[in-house]
């Protein structure tokens, strides 16, 4: 069978379980695809073919013994270079961390392996995972396979580029301010930011995270089909005691009527016409699928939670972050910190207390909203994917980028789940929408996402553009 790398994870698992294809064959196809296209896009920055084939052999051996090989049996997946994988460097895009070799796996790696996944390689991210662009001084730049002139997104830009180009069937990413949702948007695939506490995470090789990332950063999957996000979520969300925020919430929640709110211009975003058109089109697709869609003039607050999220993320320990960025010498990281300095400082105990107090009030307002609607459909960004490295061009461009990303930055402050659904292309530039729901209601995001996906042209692996 040719081009196994083109298949969805769902279809590949079915073939492997039926013994029509071996995990070794799937791994061999994935390695060949990586060799063929990764030099053009630099999505995967570390991989060991012998280890990949050994993982696949263990899956085949389990199947031969008649054992359940897991929900992702034999599926090649990539993981971001900012999580621990035993024997690999947890660089997070930093020269400073290229010798930080993990002695144990992150819960994400362990849960993927328990589900039968084959870890294909480690994907690139910007220094410190700060930006919506993927470049650093240790691994280099990642290019968008659809158009090298636009960003692949960030900070999980390697993940988005890899899965779009057929390097792996599922990609792992992390998201504190859009870092799963934006690469999916920019590369024309789908990406799920789960609820805080859904997927266990911990890096033993690095210091404990401060409170902001603890209550807003998540791991999650990117894939070419929403169905693949669904099976990846189930695999990745298994229990692990090492994350005290992990919650044993069911993957399917109580019944909610298929009622969606649709907002074209949330909280003064003023999106470009192509973005508004994509959101309106997604609403029509939902209606054709039997959903009730109500266009609303505005959402609960986004601007205040976005500002507070930025303070929790960058303001807490700002001086230490800036000192590390200066030692690293990464221009993108320095631009991110210096460009936000006035916004996030001063940040003292009183500022932290105020942010956490407001978090309770704002989260309650959003949860009340989702008592009336199963999901909210709104823009991922106010613009189509940016020209690559736009945030480093000048002060006006930096401000433009941060304004456009408002819908991504705000949602993590409340710890809510959100899904990017790719809906098509404007020329060769991807566009999509963001589907948000209440806590632990990824099932509603995915149900709406599948309806939106079914109403358009499916996302498929592509050869990198010149």
Protein backbone atom coordinates (compact mmCIF):
# COMPACT_ATOMS: atom_id res chain seq x y z
CA UNK A 1 0.00 0.00 0.00
CA UNK A 2 1.43 3.36 -1.04
CA UNK A 3 1.43 6.68 0.79
CA UNK A 4 0.42 5.43 4.22
CA UNK A 5 1.49 8.84 5.53
CA UNK A 6 -1.52 10.41 3.78
CA UNK A 7 -4.05 8.43 5.80
CA UNK A 8 -5.90 9.78 8.80
CA UNK A 9 -4.86 8.35 12.14
CA UNK A 10 -8.33 6.83 12.46
CA UNK A 11 -8.01 4.95 9.17
CA UNK A 12 -4.43 3.88 9.86
CA UNK A 13 -5.33 2.43 13.27
CA UNK A 14 -8.12 0.39 11.67
CA UNK A 15 -5.69 -1.08 9.11
CA UNK A 16 -3.05 -1.88 11.73
CA UNK A 17 -5.56 -3.48 14.10
CA UNK A 18 -6.90 -5.59 11.20
CA UNK A 19 -3.31 -6.64 10.39
CA UNK A 20 -3.65 -5.28 6.87
CA UNK A 21 -0.72 -2.95 7.55
CA UNK A 22 2.00 -3.29 10.16
CA UNK A 23 3.12 -0.57 12.52
CA UNK A 24 6.60 -1.01 11.06
CA UNK A 25 5.27 -0.26 7.57
CA UNK A 26 3.53 2.86 8.87
CA UNK A 27 6.69 3.98 10.67
CA UNK A 28 8.84 3.34 7.61
CA UNK A 29 6.46 5.41 5.46
CA UNK A 30 6.49 8.22 8.02
CA UNK A 31 10.30 8.25 8.18
CA UNK A 32 10.51 8.35 4.39
CA UNK A 33 8.07 11.26 4.27
CA UNK A 34 10.08 13.08 6.94
CA UNK A 35 13.27 12.59 4.94
CA UNK A 36 11.58 13.79 1.75
CA UNK A 37 10.00 17.04 2.96
CA UNK A 38 11.44 18.08 6.32
CA UNK A 39 14.58 19.66 4.80
CA UNK A 40 12.28 22.19 3.08
CA UNK A 41 10.36 23.22 6.19
CA UNK A 42 12.48 22.29 9.26
CA UNK A 43 9.45 21.17 11.24
CA UNK A 44 11.12 18.21 12.99
CA UNK A 45 14.41 19.12 14.67
CA UNK A 46 15.31 15.83 16.38
CA UNK A 47 14.48 12.24 15.53
CA UNK A 48 16.09 8.80 15.77
CA UNK A 49 14.94 6.36 13.08
CA UNK A 50 16.14 3.24 14.88
CA UNK A 51 14.13 4.20 17.97
CA UNK A 52 11.05 4.90 15.82
CA UNK A 53 11.27 1.45 14.24
CA UNK A 54 11.80 -0.19 17.64
CA UNK A 55 8.63 1.46 18.96
CA UNK A 56 6.72 0.20 15.92
CA UNK A 57 8.08 -3.33 16.40
CA UNK A 58 6.76 -3.37 19.97
CA UNK A 59 3.28 -2.43 18.70
CA UNK A 60 3.40 -5.20 16.09
CA UNK A 61 4.53 -7.68 18.74
CA UNK A 62 1.62 -6.72 21.02
CA UNK A 63 -0.86 -7.22 18.17
CA UNK A 64 0.73 -10.58 17.31
CA UNK A 65 0.18 -11.65 20.95
CA UNK A 66 -3.50 -10.73 20.63
CA UNK A 67 -3.20 -7.79 22.99
CA UNK A 68 -5.01 -4.47 22.72
CA UNK A 69 -2.32 -2.22 21.26
CA UNK A 70 -4.18 0.99 22.13
CA UNK A 71 -6.35 3.66 20.56
CA UNK A 72 -3.40 5.01 18.56
CA UNK A 73 -1.86 1.62 17.74
CA UNK A 74 1.08 2.22 15.41
CA UNK A 75 0.22 5.84 14.58
CA UNK A 76 3.31 8.02 14.01
CA UNK A 77 2.98 11.25 16.02
CA UNK A 78 5.29 14.17 16.62
CA UNK A 79 5.88 15.91 19.94
CA UNK A 80 6.98 19.47 20.65
CA UNK A 81 10.56 20.03 21.74
CA UNK A 82 9.41 21.72 24.96
CA UNK A 83 8.28 18.52 26.72
CA UNK A 84 10.41 15.82 28.31
CA UNK A 85 11.15 12.72 26.26
CA UNK A 86 13.64 10.40 27.90
CA UNK A 87 17.10 10.71 26.37
CA UNK A 88 16.27 13.85 24.34
CA UNK A 89 17.00 17.51 25.03
CA UNK A 90 14.04 19.59 26.26
CA UNK A 91 15.33 22.69 24.47
CA UNK A 92 12.16 24.80 24.26
CA UNK A 93 13.96 26.44 21.34
CA UNK A 94 16.93 27.52 23.46
CA UNK A 95 20.70 27.20 23.18
CA UNK A 96 20.61 27.55 26.95
CA UNK A 97 18.77 24.21 27.23
CA UNK A 98 20.35 22.09 24.51
CA UNK A 99 22.11 20.04 27.20
CA UNK A 100 19.00 19.58 29.36
CA UNK A 101 18.52 15.88 28.65
CA UNK A 102 15.32 14.40 30.07
CA UNK A 103 15.77 11.39 32.33
CA UNK A 104 12.05 10.55 32.27
CA UNK A 105 9.10 11.10 29.97
CA UNK A 106 6.47 13.79 30.35
CA UNK A 107 3.01 12.38 31.12
CA UNK A 108 2.08 13.33 27.53
CA UNK A 109 4.76 11.02 26.11
CA UNK A 110 3.89 8.19 28.49
CA UNK A 111 0.17 8.41 27.70
CA UNK A 112 0.79 8.51 23.94
CA UNK A 113 3.04 5.44 24.20
CA UNK A 114 0.49 3.60 26.38
CA UNK A 115 -2.07 4.24 23.64
CA UNK A 116 0.24 2.63 21.08
CA UNK A 117 1.49 5.77 19.37
CA UNK A 118 4.93 5.76 17.77
CA UNK A 119 6.85 8.95 18.61
CA UNK A 120 8.28 9.98 15.22
CA UNK A 121 10.23 13.11 16.12
CA UNK A 122 10.40 16.38 18.02
CA UNK A 123 9.04 19.56 16.49
CA UNK A 124 10.36 23.10 16.54
CA UNK A 125 9.16 26.09 18.57
CA UNK A 126 10.34 29.68 19.05
CA UNK A 127 12.70 30.49 21.90
CA UNK A 128 10.87 30.10 25.23
CA UNK A 129 7.72 29.24 23.18
CA UNK A 130 6.90 32.97 23.30
CA UNK A 131 5.71 33.84 19.80
CA UNK A 132 3.26 33.17 16.94
CA UNK A 133 6.29 32.67 14.67
CA UNK A 134 8.74 29.77 14.84
CA UNK A 135 12.43 30.65 14.74
CA UNK A 136 15.27 30.25 17.22
CA UNK A 137 19.06 30.20 17.44
CA UNK A 138 19.44 26.49 18.20
CA UNK A 139 17.20 24.79 15.61
CA UNK A 140 16.62 27.55 13.04
CA UNK A 141 13.44 28.70 11.28
CA UNK A 142 10.39 26.57 10.49
CA UNK A 143 8.62 27.32 7.22
CA UNK A 144 4.90 27.05 6.47
CA UNK A 145 4.47 24.23 3.91
CA UNK A 146 1.56 26.08 2.28
CA UNK A 147 3.48 29.30 1.69
CA UNK A 148 7.02 29.95 2.97
CA UNK A 149 6.28 33.68 3.08
CA UNK A 150 3.73 33.35 5.89
CA UNK A 151 4.27 32.22 9.45
CA UNK A 152 3.71 28.54 10.29
CA UNK A 153 2.33 29.90 13.52
CA UNK A 154 3.76 29.49 16.98
CA UNK A 155 4.66 28.48 19.35
CA UNK A 156 3.81 24.96 18.08
CA UNK A 157 4.83 25.98 14.55
CA UNK A 158 6.81 22.81 13.95
CA UNK A 159 3.77 20.76 14.96
CA UNK A 160 1.46 22.59 12.55
CA UNK A 161 3.94 22.44 9.68
CA UNK A 162 4.68 18.75 10.26
CA UNK A 163 1.10 17.53 10.27
CA UNK A 164 0.19 19.75 7.29
CA UNK A 165 3.07 18.27 5.29
CA UNK A 166 2.24 14.67 6.21
CA UNK A 167 5.06 14.21 8.75
CA UNK A 168 3.07 12.20 11.27
CA UNK A 169 -0.70 11.82 11.51
CA UNK A 170 -1.09 13.69 14.82
CA UNK A 171 1.11 16.38 16.35
CA UNK A 172 1.43 17.36 19.99
CA UNK A 173 1.47 21.06 20.82
CA UNK A 174 1.16 23.33 23.85
CA UNK A 175 -1.00 26.43 24.23
CA UNK A 176 -0.83 29.33 26.70
CA UNK A 177 -1.94 32.09 24.30
CA UNK A 178 -2.85 30.38 21.04
CA UNK A 179 0.15 28.11 20.51
CA UNK A 180 -1.93 25.14 19.31
CA UNK A 181 -4.77 27.08 17.74
CA UNK A 182 -2.68 29.52 15.72
CA UNK A 183 -0.30 27.02 14.05
CA UNK A 184 -3.35 24.96 13.08
CA UNK A 185 -4.92 28.12 11.62
CA UNK A 186 -1.75 29.17 9.80
CA UNK A 187 -0.98 25.72 8.37
CA UNK A 188 -4.54 24.78 7.39
CA UNK A 189 -5.14 21.93 9.84
CA UNK A 190 -7.19 21.52 13.03
CA UNK A 191 -5.95 22.04 16.59
CA UNK A 192 -7.55 21.51 19.99
CA UNK A 193 -6.65 23.43 23.12
CA UNK A 194 -8.20 21.32 25.91
CA UNK A 195 -9.50 22.55 29.25
CA UNK A 196 -6.85 23.16 31.91
CA UNK A 197 -6.56 19.88 33.84
CA UNK A 198 -7.68 17.65 30.97
CA UNK A 199 -4.21 16.48 29.84
CA UNK A 200 -1.57 15.86 32.47
CA UNK A 201 1.75 17.65 31.95
CA UNK A 202 5.04 17.84 33.84
CA UNK A 203 8.69 18.33 32.88
CA UNK A 204 10.98 16.89 35.55
CA UNK A 205 14.02 18.23 33.67
CA UNK A 206 12.97 21.85 34.22
CA UNK A 207 12.02 24.02 37.21
CA UNK A 208 8.40 24.02 38.38
CA UNK A 209 6.24 26.46 36.44
CA UNK A 210 4.85 29.60 38.12
CA UNK A 211 1.14 29.90 38.82
CA UNK A 212 0.16 31.59 35.53
CA UNK A 213 1.28 28.74 33.29
CA UNK A 214 0.03 26.18 35.80
CA UNK A 215 -3.55 27.44 35.45
CA UNK A 216 -3.57 28.35 31.76
CA UNK A 217 -1.01 26.35 29.73
CA UNK A 218 -2.10 23.03 28.23
CA UNK A 219 -0.94 20.26 25.92
CA UNK A 220 -3.17 19.15 23.06
CA UNK A 221 -3.33 17.62 19.57
CA UNK A 222 -3.16 18.98 16.02
CA UNK A 223 -4.35 16.82 13.11
CA UNK A 224 -5.76 16.88 9.61
CA UNK A 225 -9.18 15.59 10.70
CA UNK A 226 -11.35 16.40 13.71
CA UNK A 227 -11.91 12.67 14.23
CA UNK A 228 -8.17 12.29 14.74
CA UNK A 229 -8.23 15.05 17.35
CA UNK A 230 -10.92 13.09 19.15
CA UNK A 231 -8.92 9.85 19.43
CA UNK A 232 -5.73 11.75 20.26
CA UNK A 233 -7.49 13.63 23.06
CA UNK A 234 -8.73 10.37 24.56
CA UNK A 235 -5.22 8.93 24.51
CA UNK A 236 -3.47 12.02 25.85
CA UNK A 237 -5.93 12.67 28.69
CA UNK A 238 -5.22 9.52 30.70
CA UNK A 239 -4.41 9.85 34.40
CA UNK A 240 -0.96 10.79 35.64
CA UNK A 241 -0.40 11.66 39.32
CA UNK A 242 2.51 14.00 38.51
CA UNK A 243 0.16 16.81 37.43
CA UNK A 244 -1.82 18.03 40.48
CA UNK A 245 -4.15 19.98 38.17
CA UNK A 246 -5.26 16.86 36.26
CA UNK A 247 -8.99 16.15 36.58
CA UNK A 248 -10.68 12.78 35.84
CA UNK A 249 -13.49 14.47 33.89
CA UNK A 250 -15.51 12.35 31.44
CA UNK A 251 -14.79 12.92 27.75
CA UNK A 252 -18.53 13.21 27.06
CA UNK A 253 -20.59 15.63 29.12
CA UNK A 254 -24.33 16.08 29.72
CA UNK A 255 -26.64 16.64 26.77
CA UNK A 256 -26.75 20.17 25.37
CA UNK A 257 -29.00 21.30 22.51
CA UNK A 258 -27.11 22.04 19.29
CA UNK A 259 -27.19 25.78 19.78
CA UNK A 260 -24.24 27.88 18.70
CA UNK A 261 -23.51 31.56 19.23
CA UNK A 262 -21.67 33.23 16.37
CA UNK A 263 -19.74 36.48 16.75
CA UNK A 264 -18.02 38.18 13.82
CA UNK A 265 -16.44 41.04 15.78
CA UNK A 266 -15.76 40.02 19.40
CA UNK A 267 -14.77 42.79 21.83
CA UNK A 268 -13.69 45.32 19.22
CA UNK A 269 -11.39 42.98 17.29
CA UNK A 270 -12.41 44.44 13.88
CA UNK A 271 -11.36 41.41 11.81
CA UNK A 272 -10.52 41.64 8.11
CA UNK A 273 -13.29 40.75 5.65
CA UNK A 274 -11.89 37.29 4.86
CA UNK A 275 -11.95 36.32 8.53
CA UNK A 276 -15.52 37.55 8.98
CA UNK A 277 -16.54 35.61 5.86
CA UNK A 278 -15.02 32.41 7.26
CA UNK A 279 -16.93 32.77 10.54
CA UNK A 280 -20.20 33.48 8.71
CA UNK A 281 -19.61 30.47 6.44
CA UNK A 282 -18.98 28.23 9.44
CA UNK A 283 -22.33 29.35 10.84
CA UNK A 284 -24.05 28.33 7.60
CA UNK A 285 -22.34 24.94 7.68
CA UNK A 286 -23.59 24.39 11.23
CA UNK A 287 -27.13 25.34 10.22
CA UNK A 288 -27.04 22.87 7.33
CA UNK A 289 -25.93 20.21 9.85
CA UNK A 290 -28.97 20.85 12.04
CA UNK A 291 -27.54 23.35 14.53
CA UNK A 292 -29.39 26.46 15.67
CA UNK A 293 -27.03 29.40 15.10
CA UNK A 294 -27.60 32.79 16.71
CA UNK A 295 -25.43 35.70 15.67
CA UNK A 296 -24.55 37.84 18.69
CA UNK A 297 -23.16 41.38 18.71
CA UNK A 298 -20.51 40.63 21.32
CA UNK A 299 -19.11 37.91 23.56
CA UNK A 300 -18.32 38.02 27.26
CA UNK A 301 -15.12 40.04 27.84
CA UNK A 302 -12.00 39.17 25.87
CA UNK A 303 -9.83 42.26 26.16
CA UNK A 304 -9.56 42.28 29.96
CA UNK A 305 -8.77 38.57 30.26
CA UNK A 306 -6.24 38.90 27.43
CA UNK A 307 -4.47 41.71 29.27
CA UNK A 308 -4.51 39.77 32.54
CA UNK A 309 -3.32 36.60 30.81
CA UNK A 310 -0.36 38.49 29.37
CA UNK A 311 0.50 39.78 32.84
CA UNK A 312 0.31 36.33 34.43
CA UNK A 313 2.35 34.81 31.59
CA UNK A 314 5.03 37.45 31.10
CA UNK A 315 4.78 39.80 34.10
CA UNK A 316 5.29 37.19 36.81
CA UNK A 317 9.07 36.92 36.99
CA UNK A 318 9.54 39.39 34.13
CA UNK A 319 13.05 40.41 35.14
CA UNK A 320 14.25 36.81 35.28
CA UNK A 321 12.64 36.07 31.90
CA UNK A 322 14.27 39.14 30.35
CA UNK A 323 17.66 38.22 31.80
CA UNK A 324 17.38 34.72 30.34
CA UNK A 325 16.32 36.12 26.96
CA UNK A 326 19.30 38.47 26.96
CA UNK A 327 21.64 35.55 27.72
CA UNK A 328 20.01 33.58 24.91
CA UNK A 329 20.27 36.56 22.57
CA UNK A 330 17.14 35.60 20.64
CA UNK A 331 15.73 38.69 18.89
CA UNK A 332 12.16 37.40 18.78
CA UNK A 333 12.07 36.60 22.50
CA UNK A 334 13.58 39.99 23.32
CA UNK A 335 11.02 41.74 21.11
CA UNK A 336 8.19 39.89 22.88
CA UNK A 337 9.36 40.86 26.35
CA UNK A 338 10.43 44.42 25.62
CA UNK A 339 7.27 45.07 23.60
CA UNK A 340 5.09 44.00 26.52
CA UNK A 341 7.09 45.53 29.37
CA UNK A 342 4.87 48.57 29.85
CA UNK A 343 1.76 46.37 29.68
CA UNK A 344 2.82 43.83 32.30
CA UNK A 345 4.79 45.88 34.83
CA UNK A 346 4.64 46.57 37.68
CA UNK A 347 3.68 43.05 38.71
CA UNK A 348 3.79 42.55 42.46
CA UNK A 349 1.82 40.54 44.98
CA UNK A 350 -1.12 42.94 44.78
CA UNK A 351 -1.21 42.66 40.99
CA UNK A 352 -1.12 38.87 41.20
CA UNK A 353 -3.95 38.84 43.73
CA UNK A 354 -6.04 41.17 41.58
CA UNK A 355 -5.49 39.04 38.47
CA UNK A 356 -6.50 35.83 40.22
CA UNK A 357 -9.55 37.50 41.78
CA UNK A 358 -10.70 38.83 38.42
CA UNK A 359 -10.13 35.38 36.94
CA UNK A 360 -12.90 33.98 39.12
CA UNK A 361 -15.36 36.71 38.09
CA UNK A 362 -14.55 36.55 34.38
CA UNK A 363 -14.61 32.76 34.31
CA UNK A 364 -18.03 32.78 35.97
CA UNK A 365 -19.31 35.19 33.30
CA UNK A 366 -18.09 32.90 30.54
CA UNK A 367 -19.51 29.78 32.18
CA UNK A 368 -22.88 31.52 32.49
CA UNK A 369 -22.73 32.24 28.75
CA UNK A 370 -22.21 28.53 28.04
CA UNK A 371 -25.33 27.67 30.01
CA UNK A 372 -27.24 29.12 27.04
CA UNK A 373 -25.02 28.01 24.15
CA UNK A 374 -23.22 24.74 23.49
CA UNK A 375 -20.45 26.55 21.64
CA UNK A 376 -19.25 29.95 20.51
CA UNK A 377 -17.89 30.36 16.97
CA UNK A 378 -15.60 33.34 16.48
CA UNK A 379 -12.32 34.28 14.77
CA UNK A 380 -9.04 32.63 15.64
CA UNK A 381 -7.27 35.86 14.71
CA UNK A 382 -8.30 39.25 13.39
CA UNK A 383 -6.18 38.67 10.29
CA UNK A 384 -5.19 35.97 7.86
CA UNK A 385 -1.86 34.31 8.82
CA UNK A 386 0.82 36.98 9.09
CA UNK A 387 3.86 37.49 6.90
CA UNK A 388 6.63 35.54 8.57
CA UNK A 389 8.48 37.35 11.39
CA UNK A 390 6.08 40.33 11.20
CA UNK A 391 6.33 40.97 14.95
CA UNK A 392 10.02 41.85 14.57
CA UNK A 393 9.54 44.37 11.75
CA UNK A 394 8.77 47.49 13.82
CA UNK A 395 6.71 48.69 16.79
CA UNK A 396 3.56 49.18 14.72
CA UNK A 397 3.77 45.64 13.36
CA UNK A 398 4.33 44.24 16.85
CA UNK A 399 1.21 46.04 18.10
CA UNK A 400 -0.75 44.85 15.05
CA UNK A 401 0.11 41.23 15.77
CA UNK A 402 -0.82 41.39 19.45
CA UNK A 403 -4.12 43.13 18.67
CA UNK A 404 -5.11 40.53 16.08
CA UNK A 405 -4.43 37.63 18.47
CA UNK A 406 -6.91 38.85 21.10
CA UNK A 407 -9.30 35.84 20.75
CA UNK A 408 -6.43 33.42 21.34
CA UNK A 409 -4.80 35.17 24.31
CA UNK A 410 -8.02 35.63 26.30
CA UNK A 411 -9.46 32.11 26.35
CA UNK A 412 -6.63 30.47 28.38
CA UNK A 413 -7.16 32.95 31.21
CA UNK A 414 -10.48 31.24 31.95
CA UNK A 415 -8.99 27.78 31.33
CA UNK A 416 -11.57 27.04 28.63
CA UNK A 417 -11.27 24.59 25.72
CA UNK A 418 -11.10 25.93 22.18
CA UNK A 419 -10.76 24.33 18.77
CA UNK A 420 -9.35 25.76 15.55
CA UNK A 421 -11.18 24.35 12.54
CA UNK A 422 -9.53 25.01 9.19
CA UNK A 423 -12.27 26.02 6.75
CA UNK A 424 -10.44 26.67 3.48
CA UNK A 425 -7.95 28.85 1.65
CA UNK A 426 -7.79 32.46 0.49
CA UNK A 427 -5.52 31.94 -2.49
CA UNK A 428 -3.02 29.61 -0.87
CA UNK A 429 -3.29 31.21 2.57
CA UNK A 430 -5.34 29.19 5.10
CA UNK A 431 -8.29 30.54 7.05
CA UNK A 432 -10.43 29.01 9.78
CA UNK A 433 -12.55 29.61 12.85
CA UNK A 434 -12.35 29.12 16.60
CA UNK A 435 -14.95 27.04 18.45
CA UNK A 436 -15.08 27.60 22.23
CA UNK A 437 -17.12 25.84 24.91
CA UNK A 438 -17.43 25.45 28.66
CA UNK A 439 -14.95 23.66 30.89
CA UNK A 440 -14.36 19.99 29.99
CA UNK A 441 -16.73 20.29 27.02
CA UNK A 442 -14.20 19.43 24.35
CA UNK A 443 -16.91 17.04 23.14
CA UNK A 444 -19.08 19.99 22.13
CA UNK A 445 -16.17 21.75 20.41
CA UNK A 446 -15.42 18.56 18.48
CA UNK A 447 -19.07 17.94 17.55
CA UNK A 448 -19.39 21.45 16.13
CA UNK A 449 -15.97 21.13 14.54
CA UNK A 450 -16.94 17.93 12.75
CA UNK A 451 -20.07 19.62 11.38
CA UNK A 452 -18.05 22.60 10.13
CA UNK A 453 -15.39 20.29 8.67
CA UNK A 454 -17.98 18.17 6.88
CA UNK A 455 -19.44 21.25 5.19
CA UNK A 456 -16.22 22.08 3.37
CA UNK A 457 -13.19 20.54 1.67
CA UNK A 458 -11.31 18.19 3.99
CA UNK A 459 -7.77 19.13 5.03
CA UNK A 460 -5.18 16.86 3.42
CA UNK A 461 -1.41 16.47 3.62
CA UNK A 462 0.42 18.64 1.11
CA UNK A 463 3.84 18.87 -0.49
CA UNK A 464 5.67 21.99 0.74
CA UNK A 465 5.26 25.01 -1.53
CA UNK A 466 8.31 26.58 -3.12
